[in-house]
């Protein structure tokens, strides 16, 4: 068991991700996380059932379990980066335009989408630039919005870096608008979650590049 960003007890990832037979339940469960944060209110949708009608169905190719990309994630992109950070309690010193895509595959969607992703643990201690080079042909780095959505659904993926088991997430799909060498990252330090950016040529034992399946 663990806690979500509001302090409520939740089940850990393996109980959330059960493949195609659980796709309907997952769609409802993940959409409810965003609605309970206040996303529906921002969109002018007060009723959860009405909000759920705006959430796309999970594509079968993503509903199926995937060992390389174990996290099935609903990405709510309609309210922008800054508002989503505020609703989810993430410290962020930027604005909606501070990050730009690394390449055309990393363009943030204007509509909500589903993705399959991994949380970067397998890449801990590696340079972001190295991870990009080693990504498989069907793999691309997560963006800032996708990383935040991952945290909202699966808060245990980010572990305080002051602990021995700390885990911070590099988001290679989003780069700082004035420097292609600065990459978005999501970290927790002293109990506070922060969306920030760091150099892609610096290896850090607590950081690893997260990525998603290209479909």
Protein backbone atom coordinates (compact mmCIF):
# COMPACT_ATOMS: atom_id res chain seq x y z
CA UNK A 1 0.00 0.00 0.00
CA UNK A 2 1.05 3.63 -0.44
CA UNK A 3 -0.32 7.14 -0.36
CA UNK A 4 -1.43 9.36 -3.21
CA UNK A 5 -0.74 13.10 -3.42
CA UNK A 6 -3.75 13.88 -1.23
CA UNK A 7 -2.67 11.46 1.47
CA UNK A 8 -5.31 8.86 0.66
CA UNK A 9 -4.27 5.22 0.76
CA UNK A 10 -3.92 3.60 -2.67
CA UNK A 11 -2.73 0.29 -4.04
CA UNK A 12 0.65 0.06 -5.65
CA UNK A 13 1.11 -0.18 -9.41
CA UNK A 14 0.87 -3.96 -9.91
CA UNK A 15 -2.71 -3.90 -8.61
CA UNK A 16 -3.66 -1.05 -10.93
CA UNK A 17 -2.29 -2.59 -14.10
CA UNK A 18 -4.01 -5.86 -14.97
CA UNK A 19 -4.14 -5.70 -18.75
CA UNK A 20 -7.03 -5.61 -21.23
CA UNK A 21 -9.61 -7.32 -19.02
CA UNK A 22 -9.29 -4.47 -16.55
CA UNK A 23 -9.25 -1.67 -19.14
CA UNK A 24 -12.70 -0.29 -18.27
CA UNK A 25 -11.90 -0.14 -14.55
CA UNK A 26 -8.54 1.51 -15.23
CA UNK A 27 -10.15 4.16 -17.41
CA UNK A 28 -12.55 5.07 -14.61
CA UNK A 29 -9.92 4.85 -11.86
CA UNK A 30 -7.34 7.04 -13.57
CA UNK A 31 -9.87 9.59 -14.82
CA UNK A 32 -11.23 9.86 -11.26
CA UNK A 33 -7.77 10.81 -9.97
CA UNK A 34 -7.69 13.84 -12.25
CA UNK A 35 -11.30 14.76 -11.61
CA UNK A 36 -10.79 14.63 -7.84
CA UNK A 37 -7.81 16.99 -8.16
CA UNK A 38 -10.12 19.59 -9.69
CA UNK A 39 -9.46 19.15 -13.40
CA UNK A 40 -13.17 18.84 -14.13
CA UNK A 41 -13.84 22.12 -12.34
CA UNK A 42 -11.17 23.90 -14.39
CA UNK A 43 -12.75 22.53 -17.57
CA UNK A 44 -16.20 23.62 -16.42
CA UNK A 45 -17.34 20.01 -15.90
CA UNK A 46 -18.86 19.52 -12.44
CA UNK A 47 -20.09 15.94 -12.86
CA UNK A 48 -17.67 13.02 -13.04
CA UNK A 49 -19.81 11.03 -15.49
CA UNK A 50 -19.73 13.98 -17.88
CA UNK A 51 -15.97 14.27 -17.44
CA UNK A 52 -15.56 10.56 -18.10
CA UNK A 53 -17.36 10.98 -21.42
CA UNK A 54 -14.46 13.22 -22.53
CA UNK A 55 -11.85 10.59 -21.63
CA UNK A 56 -10.87 8.40 -24.60
CA UNK A 57 -11.08 4.63 -24.40
CA UNK A 58 -7.84 2.77 -23.80
CA UNK A 59 -6.44 1.50 -27.12
CA UNK A 60 -6.18 -2.31 -27.06
CA UNK A 61 -2.47 -2.19 -27.91
CA UNK A 62 -1.89 -0.18 -24.71
CA UNK A 63 -4.35 -2.11 -22.55
CA UNK A 64 -2.25 -5.26 -22.96
CA UNK A 65 0.45 -5.74 -20.33
CA UNK A 66 3.97 -4.77 -21.39
CA UNK A 67 7.07 -5.69 -19.37
CA UNK A 68 9.17 -2.94 -20.95
CA UNK A 69 6.54 -0.27 -20.31
CA UNK A 70 4.60 -1.44 -17.25
CA UNK A 71 2.73 1.79 -16.50
CA UNK A 72 -0.54 2.53 -18.27
CA UNK A 73 -1.08 6.29 -17.93
CA UNK A 74 -3.91 8.67 -18.73
CA UNK A 75 -2.38 12.01 -19.78
CA UNK A 76 -4.68 14.97 -19.09
CA UNK A 77 -3.33 17.76 -21.27
CA UNK A 78 -6.28 20.14 -21.53
CA UNK A 79 -5.53 22.49 -18.64
CA UNK A 80 -1.83 23.11 -19.24
CA UNK A 81 1.36 22.39 -17.34
CA UNK A 82 1.17 25.18 -14.76
CA UNK A 83 -2.40 24.47 -13.65
CA UNK A 84 -1.81 20.74 -13.47
CA UNK A 85 1.23 21.33 -11.25
CA UNK A 86 -0.77 23.57 -8.93
CA UNK A 87 -3.65 21.11 -8.62
CA UNK A 88 -1.30 18.21 -7.88
CA UNK A 89 0.89 20.08 -5.37
CA UNK A 90 4.02 20.16 -7.54
CA UNK A 91 6.38 23.10 -7.07
CA UNK A 92 7.11 24.70 -10.45
CA UNK A 93 8.84 28.01 -11.15
CA UNK A 94 8.02 28.08 -14.88
CA UNK A 95 5.00 28.60 -17.10
CA UNK A 96 3.14 26.69 -19.81
CA UNK A 97 5.69 27.69 -22.44
CA UNK A 98 8.95 27.03 -20.59
CA UNK A 99 9.47 23.62 -22.22
CA UNK A 100 9.50 22.74 -25.91
CA UNK A 101 9.59 19.28 -27.55
CA UNK A 102 12.92 17.51 -28.06
CA UNK A 103 11.65 16.47 -31.50
CA UNK A 104 8.36 16.02 -33.39
CA UNK A 105 7.57 12.77 -31.55
CA UNK A 106 7.58 14.65 -28.25
CA UNK A 107 4.98 17.28 -29.08
CA UNK A 108 2.46 17.53 -26.24
CA UNK A 109 -1.01 16.43 -27.32
CA UNK A 110 -3.77 19.05 -27.16
CA UNK A 111 -6.26 16.29 -26.29
CA UNK A 112 -6.12 13.70 -23.50
CA UNK A 113 -4.35 10.48 -24.47
CA UNK A 114 -3.20 7.13 -23.09
CA UNK A 115 0.43 6.00 -23.04
CA UNK A 116 2.54 3.04 -21.92
CA UNK A 117 5.68 4.10 -20.03
CA UNK A 118 8.57 3.11 -17.79
CA UNK A 119 9.64 5.27 -14.83
CA UNK A 120 13.36 5.61 -15.51
CA UNK A 121 14.61 3.29 -12.76
CA UNK A 122 16.34 1.07 -15.31
CA UNK A 123 18.30 4.14 -16.46
CA UNK A 124 19.33 5.49 -13.05
CA UNK A 125 22.83 6.93 -13.05
CA UNK A 126 22.96 7.33 -16.85
CA UNK A 127 23.27 10.62 -18.73
CA UNK A 128 20.07 11.74 -20.43
CA UNK A 129 21.98 12.17 -23.68
CA UNK A 130 23.18 8.56 -23.45
CA UNK A 131 19.67 7.27 -22.76
CA UNK A 132 18.28 9.06 -25.81
CA UNK A 133 20.95 7.43 -27.94
CA UNK A 134 20.13 3.96 -26.53
CA UNK A 135 16.34 4.19 -26.77
CA UNK A 136 14.82 1.46 -28.95
CA UNK A 137 13.19 2.41 -32.28
CA UNK A 138 9.74 2.15 -30.67
CA UNK A 139 10.72 4.23 -27.62
CA UNK A 140 10.86 7.96 -26.90
CA UNK A 141 11.45 10.06 -23.78
CA UNK A 142 8.51 11.19 -21.66
CA UNK A 143 7.45 14.83 -21.75
CA UNK A 144 6.80 17.07 -18.75
CA UNK A 145 3.02 16.62 -18.92
CA UNK A 146 3.37 12.87 -19.30
CA UNK A 147 5.73 12.72 -16.33
CA UNK A 148 3.35 14.69 -14.13
CA UNK A 149 0.48 12.45 -15.20
CA UNK A 150 2.56 9.41 -14.26
CA UNK A 151 3.15 10.88 -10.81
CA UNK A 152 -0.55 11.68 -10.32
CA UNK A 153 -1.56 8.09 -11.11
CA UNK A 154 1.47 6.34 -9.59
CA UNK A 155 2.96 8.65 -6.91
CA UNK A 156 5.38 5.98 -5.69
CA UNK A 157 7.51 6.42 -8.83
CA UNK A 158 9.08 9.53 -7.29
CA UNK A 159 11.03 8.82 -4.08
CA UNK A 160 12.72 11.50 -1.95
CA UNK A 161 16.34 11.87 -3.09
CA UNK A 162 17.52 12.42 0.49
CA UNK A 163 16.81 8.71 1.10
CA UNK A 164 19.08 5.87 0.02
CA UNK A 165 16.42 4.57 -2.37
CA UNK A 166 15.65 7.96 -3.88
CA UNK A 167 14.26 8.06 -7.40
CA UNK A 168 13.92 11.16 -9.57
CA UNK A 169 12.63 11.09 -13.14
CA UNK A 170 14.30 12.70 -16.14
CA UNK A 171 11.82 13.65 -18.88
CA UNK A 172 13.88 13.69 -22.09
CA UNK A 173 10.93 14.62 -24.31
CA UNK A 174 10.79 18.18 -22.91
CA UNK A 175 13.69 20.63 -23.08
CA UNK A 176 14.13 24.16 -21.75
CA UNK A 177 13.02 26.63 -24.43
CA UNK A 178 16.38 28.46 -24.57
CA UNK A 179 18.70 25.45 -24.24
CA UNK A 180 18.50 22.01 -25.86
CA UNK A 181 20.91 20.73 -23.21
CA UNK A 182 18.49 21.44 -20.32
CA UNK A 183 15.88 18.72 -19.79
CA UNK A 184 12.75 18.58 -17.64
CA UNK A 185 12.88 16.43 -14.52
CA UNK A 186 10.58 15.53 -11.64
CA UNK A 187 12.06 15.07 -8.18
CA UNK A 188 11.16 14.93 -4.52
CA UNK A 189 13.39 16.49 -1.86
CA UNK A 190 12.61 16.97 1.81
CA UNK A 191 9.02 15.92 1.15
CA UNK A 192 8.37 18.44 -1.66
CA UNK A 193 7.72 17.44 -5.26
CA UNK A 194 9.25 19.75 -7.86
CA UNK A 195 9.23 20.01 -11.65
CA UNK A 196 12.57 21.41 -12.72
CA UNK A 197 15.27 20.97 -15.37
CA UNK A 198 18.91 19.87 -15.49
CA UNK A 199 21.78 19.31 -17.94
CA UNK A 200 21.50 16.24 -20.15
CA UNK A 201 25.24 15.55 -19.95
CA UNK A 202 25.33 15.15 -16.15
CA UNK A 203 24.89 11.68 -14.68
CA UNK A 204 23.29 11.45 -11.24
CA UNK A 205 22.76 8.22 -9.26
CA UNK A 206 19.23 9.26 -8.25
CA UNK A 207 17.98 10.22 -11.73
CA UNK A 208 16.90 8.03 -14.64
CA UNK A 209 15.29 8.76 -18.01
CA UNK A 210 11.64 7.77 -18.33
CA UNK A 211 10.21 6.81 -21.71
CA UNK A 212 7.07 5.63 -23.47
CA UNK A 213 6.09 3.17 -26.15
CA UNK A 214 5.57 4.65 -29.61
CA UNK A 215 2.35 3.31 -31.13
